[in-house]
């Protein structure tokens, strides 16, 4: 349980950092959406890291660190921006 809380906290910070590192017209607006994308990036980084064997799984499961979670959040933010550019999801900034 504490592993999931760690991923959420790291994802929150990673989402804010990713938002600062990747400014642009298609950025998700709003604090909550940025946080959710950051948490999704942290879960993505944790999943990929555990799949590749960088992090332990099972009872000693490890979550992604700040740098890896920020990279994961940047990936999720990039995917978000591409979906907005294609019109697959609405641009809430307009």
Protein backbone atom coordinates (compact mmCIF):
# COMPACT_ATOMS: atom_id res chain seq x y z
CA UNK A 1 0.00 0.00 0.00
CA UNK A 2 2.80 2.41 0.80
CA UNK A 3 4.25 1.73 -2.66
CA UNK A 4 1.13 3.10 -4.32
CA UNK A 5 1.15 6.17 -2.07
CA UNK A 6 4.80 6.74 -2.98
CA UNK A 7 3.98 6.54 -6.69
CA UNK A 8 1.14 9.05 -6.24
CA UNK A 9 3.33 11.53 -4.35
CA UNK A 10 6.18 11.17 -6.83
CA UNK A 11 3.73 11.43 -9.73
CA UNK A 12 2.28 14.63 -8.30
CA UNK A 13 5.71 16.26 -8.20
CA UNK A 14 6.70 14.77 -11.57
CA UNK A 15 3.55 16.17 -13.18
CA UNK A 16 4.36 19.66 -11.99
CA UNK A 17 7.98 19.36 -13.16
CA UNK A 18 6.90 17.95 -16.54
CA UNK A 19 4.46 20.83 -16.97
CA UNK A 20 7.28 23.32 -16.38
CA UNK A 21 9.68 21.47 -18.71
CA UNK A 22 7.15 21.08 -21.52
CA UNK A 23 5.25 24.34 -21.96
CA UNK A 24 3.12 24.72 -25.04
CA UNK A 25 -0.29 25.60 -26.37
CA UNK A 26 -1.68 22.07 -25.92
CA UNK A 27 -0.70 21.66 -22.30
CA UNK A 28 -3.50 20.37 -20.13
CA UNK A 29 -5.00 23.23 -18.24
CA UNK A 30 -5.69 22.93 -14.58
CA UNK A 31 -3.92 21.70 -11.55
CA UNK A 32 -5.92 18.47 -11.24
CA UNK A 33 -5.37 17.34 -14.83
CA UNK A 34 -1.63 18.06 -14.60
CA UNK A 35 -1.47 16.05 -11.39
CA UNK A 36 -3.38 13.14 -12.92
CA UNK A 37 -1.07 13.06 -15.95
CA UNK A 38 1.95 13.14 -13.64
CA UNK A 39 0.60 10.24 -11.60
CA UNK A 40 -0.11 8.34 -14.82
CA UNK A 41 3.48 8.99 -15.89
CA UNK A 42 4.78 7.68 -12.57
CA UNK A 43 2.68 4.52 -12.90
CA UNK A 44 3.93 4.11 -16.50
CA UNK A 45 7.55 4.51 -15.39
CA UNK A 46 7.03 2.04 -12.53
CA UNK A 47 5.40 -0.51 -14.84
CA UNK A 48 8.15 -0.24 -17.46
CA UNK A 49 10.87 -0.36 -14.80
CA UNK A 50 9.37 -3.46 -13.17
CA UNK A 51 8.87 -5.12 -16.56
CA UNK A 52 12.51 -4.53 -17.51
CA UNK A 53 13.69 -5.72 -14.09
CA UNK A 54 14.99 -2.39 -12.77
CA UNK A 55 12.56 -2.36 -9.84
CA UNK A 56 11.49 -5.19 -7.55
CA UNK A 57 7.99 -6.61 -7.74
CA UNK A 58 5.93 -8.54 -5.24
CA UNK A 59 6.09 -7.83 -1.50
CA UNK A 60 9.19 -5.63 -1.88
CA UNK A 61 7.78 -3.69 -4.83
CA UNK A 62 9.56 -0.50 -5.71
CA UNK A 63 8.19 2.55 -7.45
CA UNK A 64 9.90 4.83 -9.92
CA UNK A 65 12.13 7.60 -8.63
CA UNK A 66 11.67 11.29 -9.30
CA UNK A 67 13.74 11.41 -12.50
CA UNK A 68 12.17 8.34 -14.05
CA UNK A 69 8.67 9.44 -13.03
CA UNK A 70 9.31 12.86 -14.57
CA UNK A 71 10.37 11.18 -17.81
CA UNK A 72 7.21 9.06 -17.67
CA UNK A 73 5.13 12.19 -17.08
CA UNK A 74 6.80 13.86 -20.07
CA UNK A 75 5.90 10.84 -22.20
CA UNK A 76 2.27 10.96 -21.05
CA UNK A 77 2.20 14.73 -21.63
CA UNK A 78 3.61 14.22 -25.15
CA UNK A 79 0.91 11.64 -25.90
CA UNK A 80 -1.71 14.06 -24.53
CA UNK A 81 -0.40 16.83 -26.78
CA UNK A 82 -0.51 14.56 -29.85
CA UNK A 83 -4.09 13.52 -29.09
CA UNK A 84 -5.14 17.16 -28.77
CA UNK A 85 -3.33 18.05 -32.02
CA UNK A 86 -5.20 15.28 -33.87
CA UNK A 87 -8.52 16.34 -32.39
CA UNK A 88 -9.05 13.01 -30.64
CA UNK A 89 -9.68 14.85 -27.39
CA UNK A 90 -10.95 18.43 -27.06
CA UNK A 91 -8.61 21.33 -26.36
CA UNK A 92 -10.02 22.78 -23.16
CA UNK A 93 -7.88 25.91 -23.47
CA UNK A 94 -10.05 27.33 -26.27
